[in-house]
Protein backbone atom coordinates (compact mmCIF):
# COMPACT_ATOMS: atom_id res chain seq x y z
CA MET A 1 1.90 -0.24 7.43
CA PHE A 2 5.16 0.36 9.93
CA LYS A 3 2.48 1.23 12.82
CA LEU A 4 4.52 -0.13 15.73
CA LEU A 5 7.91 1.14 14.26
CA ALA A 6 6.49 4.57 13.35
CA LYS A 7 5.17 4.99 17.10
CA LYS A 8 8.56 3.70 18.52
CA ILE A 9 11.13 5.84 16.21
CA SER A 10 8.75 9.30 16.58
CA ASN A 11 8.89 8.78 20.52
CA SER A 12 12.80 8.58 20.27
CA LEU A 13 12.74 11.73 18.07
CA ARG A 14 10.19 13.50 20.10
CA ASN A 15 12.64 12.62 23.26
CA ILE A 16 15.54 14.28 21.49
CA ALA A 17 13.70 17.33 20.42
CA GLY A 18 13.02 18.53 23.99
CA MET A 19 16.33 18.51 24.63
CA GLY A 20 18.17 21.99 24.91
CA ALA A 21 21.49 20.81 23.36
CA ILE A 22 22.33 17.81 21.30
CA ASN A 23 25.49 16.05 22.23
CA GLU A 24 27.30 12.89 21.56
CA SER A 25 25.86 11.27 24.81
CA ASN A 26 22.06 12.11 23.91
CA ILE A 27 22.74 11.23 20.24
CA SER A 28 23.62 7.68 21.33
CA LYS A 29 20.80 7.43 23.42
CA ALA A 30 18.46 8.37 20.89
CA ALA A 31 20.35 6.13 18.41
CA GLU A 32 19.83 3.33 20.72
CA ASP A 33 16.48 3.78 21.04
CA ILE A 34 15.80 3.62 17.24
CA ARG A 35 18.05 0.61 17.09
CA ARG A 36 15.78 -1.17 19.67
CA ALA A 37 13.05 -0.21 17.70
CA LEU A 38 14.46 -1.45 14.47
CA ILE A 39 15.32 -4.81 16.04
CA ASP A 40 11.74 -5.21 17.08
CA ALA A 41 10.75 -4.55 13.60
CA ASP A 42 12.75 -7.82 12.73
CA VAL A 43 15.33 -5.33 10.51
CA SER A 44 18.41 -7.44 9.87
CA LEU A 45 21.21 -6.65 12.26
CA SER A 46 23.70 -6.12 9.45
CA VAL A 47 21.38 -3.51 8.15
CA ILE A 48 20.84 -1.98 11.26
CA ASP A 49 24.19 -1.66 12.30
CA SER A 50 25.21 0.02 8.98
CA PHE A 51 21.90 2.45 9.46
CA ILE A 52 22.61 3.65 13.19
CA ASN A 53 26.53 4.12 12.32
CA ARG A 54 25.69 6.34 9.45
CA VAL A 55 23.31 8.24 11.71
CA LYS A 56 25.48 9.00 14.42
CA GLN A 57 28.46 9.87 12.47
CA GLN A 58 26.34 12.55 10.48
CA ALA A 59 24.61 13.82 13.74
CA ILE A 60 28.07 14.09 15.55
CA GLY A 61 30.14 15.73 12.57
CA THR A 62 27.35 17.82 11.37
CA ASP A 63 27.20 21.98 12.49
CA LYS A 64 24.08 23.15 13.56
CA ILE A 65 21.94 24.79 10.77
CA ARG A 66 20.64 28.54 12.14
CA GLY A 67 16.93 28.68 12.69
CA ILE A 68 16.57 24.66 12.58
CA THR A 69 16.24 22.92 15.98
CA HIS A 70 18.58 20.33 16.99
CA GLY A 71 15.55 17.80 16.93
CA HIS A 72 14.46 18.58 13.83
CA GLN A 73 18.00 18.56 12.20
CA PHE A 74 18.62 15.16 14.00
CA THR A 75 15.14 13.93 12.39
CA GLN A 76 16.22 15.04 8.96
CA ILE A 77 19.59 13.14 9.44
CA VAL A 78 17.45 9.76 10.40
CA HIS A 79 14.90 10.56 7.42
CA ASP A 80 18.39 10.85 4.68
CA GLU A 81 19.70 7.83 6.06
CA LEU A 82 16.60 5.79 6.09
CA ILE A 83 16.08 6.97 2.23
CA LYS A 84 19.59 5.72 1.54
CA THR A 85 18.84 2.31 3.21
CA LEU A 86 15.68 1.83 1.01
CA SER A 87 17.30 3.33 -2.33
CA HIS A 88 18.82 1.85 -5.20
CA PRO A 89 20.33 3.20 -8.47
CA GLN A 90 17.58 1.65 -10.52
CA LYS A 91 14.13 2.96 -9.45
CA HIS A 92 11.61 1.76 -11.92
CA LEU A 93 11.05 -1.55 -13.79
CA LYS A 94 12.87 -1.65 -17.10
CA ILE A 95 10.34 -1.59 -19.89
CA LEU A 96 11.83 -3.44 -22.76
CA GLN A 97 11.44 -2.57 -26.72
CA LYS A 98 11.79 -6.37 -27.09
CA LYS A 99 8.18 -7.96 -27.85
CA PRO A 100 7.16 -9.80 -25.80
CA MET A 101 9.13 -8.59 -22.87
CA VAL A 102 9.08 -11.93 -20.45
CA ILE A 103 8.70 -11.11 -16.72
CA ALA A 104 8.80 -14.33 -14.46
CA LEU A 105 7.78 -14.22 -10.74
CA ALA A 106 9.25 -16.23 -8.22
CA GLY A 107 8.70 -16.90 -4.64
CA LEU A 108 7.51 -18.83 -1.61
CA GLN A 109 4.08 -20.31 -1.88
CA GLY A 110 1.53 -17.92 -0.01
CA ALA A 111 3.79 -14.75 -0.87
CA GLY A 112 0.79 -13.60 -3.19
CA LYS A 113 2.23 -14.42 -6.79
CA THR A 114 -0.95 -15.45 -8.61
CA THR A 115 -2.55 -11.83 -7.28
CA THR A 116 0.74 -10.06 -7.87
CA CYS A 117 0.65 -11.42 -11.53
CA ILE A 118 -2.60 -9.79 -12.09
CA LYS A 119 -1.87 -6.65 -10.61
CA LEU A 120 1.34 -6.14 -12.06
CA ALA A 121 -0.47 -6.81 -15.83
CA LEU A 122 -3.16 -4.14 -14.90
CA TRP A 123 -0.51 -1.91 -13.59
CA LEU A 124 1.21 -2.08 -16.90
CA LYS A 125 -1.76 -1.99 -18.73
CA SER A 126 -2.77 1.36 -17.35
CA ASN A 127 0.88 2.84 -16.72
CA HIS A 128 2.19 2.06 -19.83
CA ASN A 129 -0.63 1.13 -22.30
CA LEU A 130 0.92 -2.41 -23.19
CA THR A 131 -1.09 -5.40 -23.87
CA VAL A 132 -0.19 -7.95 -21.31
CA LYS A 133 -0.86 -11.85 -21.23
CA VAL A 134 -0.66 -13.96 -18.18
CA ALA A 135 0.41 -17.67 -17.73
CA SER A 136 0.86 -20.17 -15.16
CA VAL A 137 3.63 -22.84 -15.23
CA ASP A 138 2.83 -24.41 -12.24
CA CYS A 139 2.44 -28.09 -13.11
CA HIS A 140 2.62 -29.23 -9.61
CA ARG A 141 -0.68 -27.28 -8.47
CA PRO A 142 -3.56 -27.37 -10.83
CA ALA A 143 -5.37 -25.14 -8.79
CA ALA A 144 -2.87 -22.41 -9.26
CA ILE A 145 -3.79 -22.42 -12.93
CA ASP A 146 -7.39 -22.28 -11.97
CA GLN A 147 -6.68 -19.21 -9.69
CA LEU A 148 -4.82 -17.08 -12.20
CA GLU A 149 -7.39 -17.91 -15.05
CA HIS A 150 -10.22 -16.97 -12.53
CA THR A 151 -8.68 -13.74 -11.60
CA ALA A 152 -7.68 -12.90 -15.15
CA GLN A 153 -11.06 -13.04 -16.31
CA LYS A 154 -12.35 -11.03 -13.66
CA GLU A 155 -10.11 -8.29 -14.53
CA ASN A 156 -10.07 -8.79 -18.19
CA ILE A 157 -6.66 -9.68 -18.58
CA ASP A 158 -5.70 -12.22 -21.34
CA PHE A 159 -4.74 -15.61 -19.87
CA ILE A 160 -2.96 -18.10 -21.72
CA ASP A 161 -4.10 -21.74 -20.83
CA THR A 162 -0.81 -24.05 -20.20
CA ARG A 163 -2.92 -27.21 -19.26
CA SER A 164 -2.02 -29.21 -21.98
CA PHE A 165 2.02 -29.26 -21.30
CA HIS A 166 3.48 -31.62 -18.81
CA ASP A 167 6.30 -29.77 -17.44
CA ALA A 168 6.92 -26.28 -16.13
CA LEU A 169 9.43 -25.54 -18.81
CA ASN A 170 7.29 -26.58 -21.91
CA MET A 171 4.55 -24.60 -20.14
CA ALA A 172 6.70 -21.47 -20.34
CA GLN A 173 8.07 -22.28 -23.98
CA GLY A 174 4.12 -22.73 -24.88
CA ALA A 175 3.00 -19.80 -23.46
CA LEU A 176 5.92 -17.48 -25.14
CA LYS A 177 4.63 -19.04 -28.30
CA ALA A 178 1.20 -17.99 -27.92
CA ALA A 179 2.41 -14.76 -26.78
CA ARG A 180 4.31 -14.23 -29.66
CA HIS A 181 1.45 -15.17 -31.88
CA ALA A 182 -0.79 -12.51 -30.40
CA HIS A 183 1.62 -9.97 -30.78
CA ALA A 184 1.52 -9.21 -26.98
CA ASP A 185 3.90 -6.67 -25.50
CA VAL A 186 4.42 -8.27 -22.22
CA LEU A 187 4.06 -11.96 -20.73
CA ILE A 188 3.96 -12.35 -17.15
CA ILE A 189 4.60 -15.93 -16.02
CA ASP A 190 3.67 -17.26 -12.37
CA MET A 191 6.29 -19.58 -11.41
CA ALA A 192 5.61 -22.56 -8.91
CA GLY A 193 6.25 -21.77 -5.27
CA ARG A 194 6.98 -23.74 -2.50
CA HIS A 195 6.55 -23.71 1.59
CA GLN A 196 10.47 -23.84 1.69
CA ILE A 197 13.56 -23.08 -0.20
CA ASP A 198 14.43 -26.50 -2.23
CA GLN A 199 16.82 -27.59 -4.83
CA LYS A 200 13.60 -29.10 -7.12
CA LEU A 201 11.89 -25.75 -6.96
CA MET A 202 15.43 -23.90 -7.94
CA SER A 203 16.26 -26.07 -10.64
CA GLU A 204 13.00 -26.05 -12.16
CA ALA A 205 13.17 -21.98 -11.98
CA LYS A 206 16.75 -21.75 -13.58
CA GLY A 207 15.26 -24.18 -16.48
CA ILE A 208 12.68 -21.79 -17.13
CA VAL A 209 14.95 -18.34 -16.93
CA THR A 210 17.48 -19.66 -18.73
CA GLN A 211 15.42 -21.63 -21.68
CA GLY A 212 12.21 -19.77 -21.51
CA ASN A 213 13.77 -16.34 -23.03
CA VAL A 214 12.63 -14.42 -19.57
CA ASP A 215 13.85 -10.94 -19.70
CA GLN A 216 13.07 -10.24 -15.81
CA VAL A 217 12.67 -12.14 -12.81
CA LEU A 218 11.02 -10.48 -10.19
CA PHE A 219 11.05 -11.85 -6.59
CA VAL A 220 7.74 -11.60 -4.73
CA ILE A 221 8.02 -11.69 -0.93
CA ASP A 222 5.45 -11.57 2.02
CA SER A 223 6.43 -8.28 4.11
CA MET A 224 4.97 -10.03 7.11
CA LEU A 225 7.90 -12.61 7.25
CA GLY A 226 10.12 -10.05 9.21
CA GLN A 227 13.78 -10.79 9.16
CA SER A 228 13.65 -14.24 7.63
CA ALA A 229 12.51 -12.02 4.29
CA ALA A 230 16.07 -10.74 3.39
CA ASP A 231 17.71 -14.30 4.05
CA ILE A 232 15.01 -16.07 1.80
CA ALA A 233 15.56 -13.05 -0.86
CA LYS A 234 19.21 -13.74 -0.76
CA ALA A 235 19.01 -17.56 -1.14
CA PHE A 236 16.78 -17.02 -4.19
CA HIS A 237 19.20 -14.18 -5.52
CA ASP A 238 21.84 -16.54 -5.22
CA ALA A 239 20.31 -19.22 -7.49
CA LEU A 240 18.91 -17.12 -10.08
CA PRO A 241 19.32 -13.96 -11.85
CA LEU A 242 16.85 -11.54 -9.87
CA SER A 243 16.16 -8.32 -11.50
CA GLY A 244 14.17 -6.71 -8.63
CA ILE A 245 11.69 -7.47 -5.51
CA ILE A 246 7.89 -6.64 -4.92
CA LEU A 247 6.71 -6.57 -1.40
CA THR A 248 3.22 -8.13 -0.67
CA LYS A 249 0.81 -7.49 2.01
CA MET A 250 2.23 -3.82 2.93
CA ASP A 251 -1.24 -2.83 3.92
CA ALA A 252 -1.36 -5.39 7.00
CA ASP A 253 0.49 -4.31 10.10
CA ALA A 254 3.80 -5.53 8.98
CA LYS A 255 6.70 -4.90 11.29
CA GLY A 256 8.70 -3.23 8.11
CA GLY A 257 11.63 -5.66 8.51
CA ALA A 258 11.38 -6.87 4.69
CA ALA A 259 11.42 -3.13 3.39
CA LEU A 260 14.36 -2.10 5.29
CA SER A 261 16.35 -5.30 4.76
CA ALA A 262 15.79 -6.78 1.46
CA SER A 263 17.02 -4.39 -0.83
CA HIS A 264 20.09 -3.62 1.22
CA ILE A 265 21.31 -7.27 1.55
CA THR A 266 20.42 -8.46 -2.07
CA GLN A 267 21.66 -5.08 -3.51
CA LEU A 268 18.25 -5.41 -5.64
CA PRO A 269 15.78 -2.45 -6.06
CA ILE A 270 12.34 -2.83 -4.57
CA LEU A 271 10.02 -1.97 -7.24
CA PHE A 272 6.47 -2.57 -6.26
CA VAL A 273 4.55 -2.87 -2.87
CA GLY A 274 1.16 -4.32 -2.92
CA THR A 275 -0.80 -2.03 -0.63
CA GLY A 276 -4.14 -3.71 -0.31
CA GLU A 277 -6.42 -7.13 -1.37
CA LYS A 278 -7.78 -5.26 -4.49
CA THR A 279 -6.24 -5.90 -7.85
CA GLN A 280 -5.36 -2.37 -8.42
CA ASP A 281 -3.82 -2.06 -5.17
CA LEU A 282 0.12 -2.09 -6.32
CA ALA A 283 2.38 1.02 -6.25
CA ALA A 284 5.80 1.91 -7.32
CA PHE A 285 7.95 1.75 -4.65
CA ASP A 286 9.09 5.17 -3.48
CA PRO A 287 12.05 5.19 -0.62
CA GLU A 288 11.08 8.83 0.03
CA ARG A 289 7.44 8.02 0.98
CA ILE A 290 8.27 5.01 3.02
CA ALA A 291 10.69 6.69 5.15
CA SER A 292 8.22 9.53 5.79
CA ARG A 293 5.52 7.18 7.00
CA ILE A 294 8.52 5.21 9.21
CA LEU A 295 8.98 8.86 10.96
CA ASP A 296 5.33 9.27 11.03
CA MET A 297 5.62 12.20 8.83
CA GLY A 298 2.44 11.00 6.67
CA ASP A 299 2.19 10.14 2.65
CA ILE A 300 0.29 13.04 1.92
CA VAL A 301 1.46 12.51 -1.77
CA SER A 302 -0.26 8.62 -2.11
CA LEU A 303 -3.49 10.23 -0.37
CA VAL A 304 -3.69 12.92 -3.19
CA GLU A 305 -3.04 10.33 -6.02
CA GLN A 306 -5.74 7.69 -4.69
CA ALA A 307 -8.29 10.70 -4.21
CA LYS A 308 -7.22 11.90 -7.70
CA LYS A 309 -7.79 8.30 -9.06
CA HIS A 310 -11.23 7.81 -7.15
CA ILE A 311 -12.85 11.29 -6.94
CA SER A 312 -13.46 13.12 -10.11
CA GLU A 313 -12.89 16.83 -10.34
CA LYS A 314 -16.68 16.92 -11.31
CA ASP A 315 -18.00 14.91 -8.49
CA ALA A 316 -15.82 16.96 -5.87
CA LYS A 317 -17.39 20.52 -7.09
CA LYS A 318 -20.84 18.97 -7.33
CA THR A 319 -20.73 17.76 -3.55
CA ALA A 320 -19.00 20.83 -2.29
CA GLN A 321 -22.12 22.84 -3.71
CA LYS A 322 -24.68 20.71 -2.62
CA ILE A 323 -22.90 20.86 0.95
CA GLN A 324 -22.66 25.03 0.85
CA SER A 325 -26.52 25.16 -0.03
CA GLY A 326 -27.57 22.57 2.38
CA GLN A 327 -28.80 19.88 0.09
CA PHE A 328 -26.40 17.23 0.89
CA ASP A 329 -28.47 13.89 0.71
CA PHE A 330 -28.00 10.24 1.30
CA ASN A 331 -26.88 9.85 -2.47
CA ASP A 332 -24.06 12.24 -1.44
CA PHE A 333 -23.34 10.47 1.55
CA LEU A 334 -23.31 6.90 -0.07
CA SER A 335 -20.79 8.17 -2.60
CA GLN A 336 -18.23 9.70 0.00
CA LEU A 337 -18.47 6.34 1.82
CA GLN A 338 -17.82 4.19 -1.45
CA GLN A 339 -15.19 6.69 -2.23
CA ILE A 340 -13.67 6.06 1.32
CA ASN A 341 -13.88 2.27 0.69
CA ASN A 342 -12.21 2.52 -2.72
CA MET A 343 -9.18 4.46 -0.99
CA GLY A 344 -8.78 1.60 1.20
CA GLY A 345 -10.97 2.50 4.15
CA ILE A 346 -10.97 5.10 6.83
CA MET A 347 -7.99 3.49 8.72
CA SER A 348 -5.87 3.42 5.53
CA ILE A 349 -6.63 7.19 4.87
CA LEU A 350 -5.90 8.02 8.58
CA GLU A 351 -2.45 5.95 8.56
CA ARG A 352 -1.20 8.51 5.94
CA LEU A 353 -1.68 11.39 7.71
CA PRO A 354 1.32 13.02 9.64
CA GLY A 355 1.38 11.89 13.47
CA ALA A 356 -1.03 8.92 12.76
CA ALA A 357 1.35 6.80 14.92
CA SER A 358 0.92 9.17 17.73
CA LEU A 359 -3.05 8.96 17.81
CA PRO A 360 -4.28 7.41 20.96
CA GLN A 361 -5.25 3.87 20.59
CA LYS A 362 -8.52 4.56 22.71
CA ALA A 363 -9.26 6.83 19.80
CA LEU A 364 -8.60 4.54 16.91
CA ASP A 365 -10.51 1.56 18.71
CA MET A 366 -13.77 3.93 18.33
CA ILE A 367 -13.37 3.75 14.70
CA ASP A 368 -15.50 0.99 13.66
CA GLU A 369 -14.94 0.31 9.87
CA LYS A 370 -17.75 -2.04 9.92
CA GLU A 371 -20.03 0.68 10.86
CA PHE A 372 -19.46 2.40 7.50
CA LYS A 373 -20.58 -0.80 5.82
CA ARG A 374 -23.78 -0.79 7.96
CA THR A 375 -24.32 2.70 7.22
CA GLU A 376 -24.06 1.92 3.52
CA ALA A 377 -26.24 -1.21 3.75
CA ALA A 378 -28.87 1.01 5.17
CA ILE A 379 -28.68 3.67 2.37
CA LEU A 380 -28.92 0.86 -0.30
CA SER A 381 -31.93 -0.15 1.24
CA MET A 382 -34.13 3.27 0.99
CA THR A 383 -35.96 4.05 -1.89
CA PRO A 384 -34.48 6.66 -4.46
CA HIS A 385 -37.17 9.35 -2.80
CA GLU A 386 -35.80 8.44 0.89
CA ARG A 387 -32.03 8.84 -0.66
CA ALA A 388 -33.21 12.25 -1.82
CA PHE A 389 -35.24 13.73 0.52
CA PRO A 390 -33.24 12.51 4.16
CA GLU A 391 -36.04 14.11 6.05
CA HIS A 392 -38.53 11.79 5.22
CA MET A 393 -36.70 9.07 7.10
CA LYS A 394 -38.10 10.34 10.20
CA HIS A 395 -41.14 8.31 9.56
CA PRO A 396 -41.21 5.17 12.01
CA SER A 397 -42.60 2.81 9.20
CA ARG A 398 -39.51 3.89 7.08
CA ILE A 399 -37.14 3.09 9.64
CA GLN A 400 -38.74 -0.34 10.30
CA ARG A 401 -38.51 -1.20 6.51
CA VAL A 402 -35.18 -0.08 6.12
CA SER A 403 -34.02 -1.95 8.99
CA GLN A 404 -35.68 -5.38 7.93
CA GLY A 405 -33.98 -4.78 4.73
CA SER A 406 -30.82 -3.89 5.53
CA GLY A 407 -30.08 -6.19 8.62
CA VAL A 408 -29.29 -3.29 10.68
CA GLN A 409 -31.17 -2.87 13.88
CA GLU A 410 -33.44 -0.16 14.39
CA THR A 411 -31.59 1.45 17.32
CA GLU A 412 -28.56 1.60 15.31
CA LEU A 413 -30.31 2.91 12.34
CA LYS A 414 -31.60 5.70 14.30
CA LYS A 415 -28.33 6.69 15.53
CA ILE A 416 -27.08 6.74 11.71
CA LEU A 417 -29.59 9.08 11.11
CA LYS A 418 -29.19 11.29 13.69
CA LYS A 419 -25.38 11.57 13.04
CA PHE A 420 -26.06 12.17 9.27
CA GLU A 421 -28.55 15.11 10.38
CA LYS A 422 -26.29 16.35 12.69
CA MET A 423 -23.24 16.06 9.89
CA ARG A 424 -25.48 17.87 7.37
CA LYS A 425 -26.39 20.98 9.86
CA THR A 426 -22.38 21.26 10.55
CA MET A 427 -21.70 21.20 6.91
CA LYS A 428 -24.27 23.67 6.13
CA ASN A 429 -22.80 26.11 8.57
CA PHE A 430 -19.42 26.10 6.61
CA SER A 431 -19.93 28.76 4.47
CA PRO A 432 -17.58 29.76 1.71
CA SER A 433 -16.51 33.00 3.83
CA LYS A 434 -15.78 30.83 7.12
CA MET A 435 -13.70 28.56 4.99
CA GLN A 436 -11.71 31.38 3.41
CA LYS A 437 -11.24 32.50 7.11
CA MET A 438 -9.87 29.02 8.17
CA MET A 439 -7.58 28.87 5.20
CA SER A 440 -6.35 32.13 5.79
CA GLN A 441 -5.48 31.29 9.47
CA PHE A 442 -3.68 27.84 8.36
CA GLN A 443 -1.65 29.97 6.07
CA ASN A 444 -0.57 32.16 8.80
CA GLN A 445 0.33 29.56 11.05
CA MET A 446 2.52 28.16 8.26
CA LYS A 447 4.57 31.18 7.82
């Protein structure tokens, strides 16, 4: 997310940090570098001009703060103005007392509305303990209803079948009646999408919103669209009473233009971002975290939140004890690999660390996500005894059997075993006293 944009902006900020003094000339130079980076990221020109003007005014008109370098002060100004660009007075989805609260999802076909429908239902269930029902009102694509039903069943979300109705409005009204009958807290309606904006789509959507008792209309938009995303959002907002925006596919190498432009142009809040392909990969939008990632400051908060979600304190303590005692085995290694996978993979974790955009491409190219999968497959092909006693995996016949069972070449399997043994020895040498010494050194550096 924002990898290229973060790299370009952090380079600009690094250049200004190296200057002894900051004046109007080098502020303008840095601002122009940032402007070019934002243009390359497909941010709307009106948003860029407004943002750059505010940064320059703040930087030129601000007195130097004692004890803080010019570069850090300028970075803070850019950070604060990014937050302003991304922010909106309404920070969260409004949870109404009315039952059922009806939420309609609008957007172009391919934006990820159907998946977002399930993601939002799961988010409302887990974060607000609400009973949620979902329904498709797409009378043009029967496959859309099938897709929603299949995903809903898979995730244990209540699905309302609207196939017996012949038009979108009747579908919406039928779904509302069923949700009321079931005393559901929330009904999420997945409206039909199109490959482009057309009058028929808008008229149908208007009818559903005005006559289907819809309380909130959320606009789902693909963050990969870049600058055109803001124009599409504005067209929908002109036709429908949109309440907020959900940005999808933010885990992909999106340029970032949609995130920086959509809210500013429509004056609507970005409420959620899709952060992955899994149904639980939906996060409440946080302008401060996004600004920090754009400036290559990382997003440690979300990393910690994800770790808490996927790694229990009990498991973490158990693993730490086994590492210290030298009893770390393949079962523990498998557990760690699965935890990394649940957190989005190693690249997803790296991207949220400060300075990630500055990592050399050569180093990143050496990280092979597929190697983690092959390692997992190899461990799963071992017997319980072999997992518990890694030293027994040195026998050639065991290596041959695991290789055949997992599909991992014998030469690669031997490398995996060698890496594991090296890691195990390194971990064993990390005694509690050494860890304490490292922490003390780190704390001294932070003073």
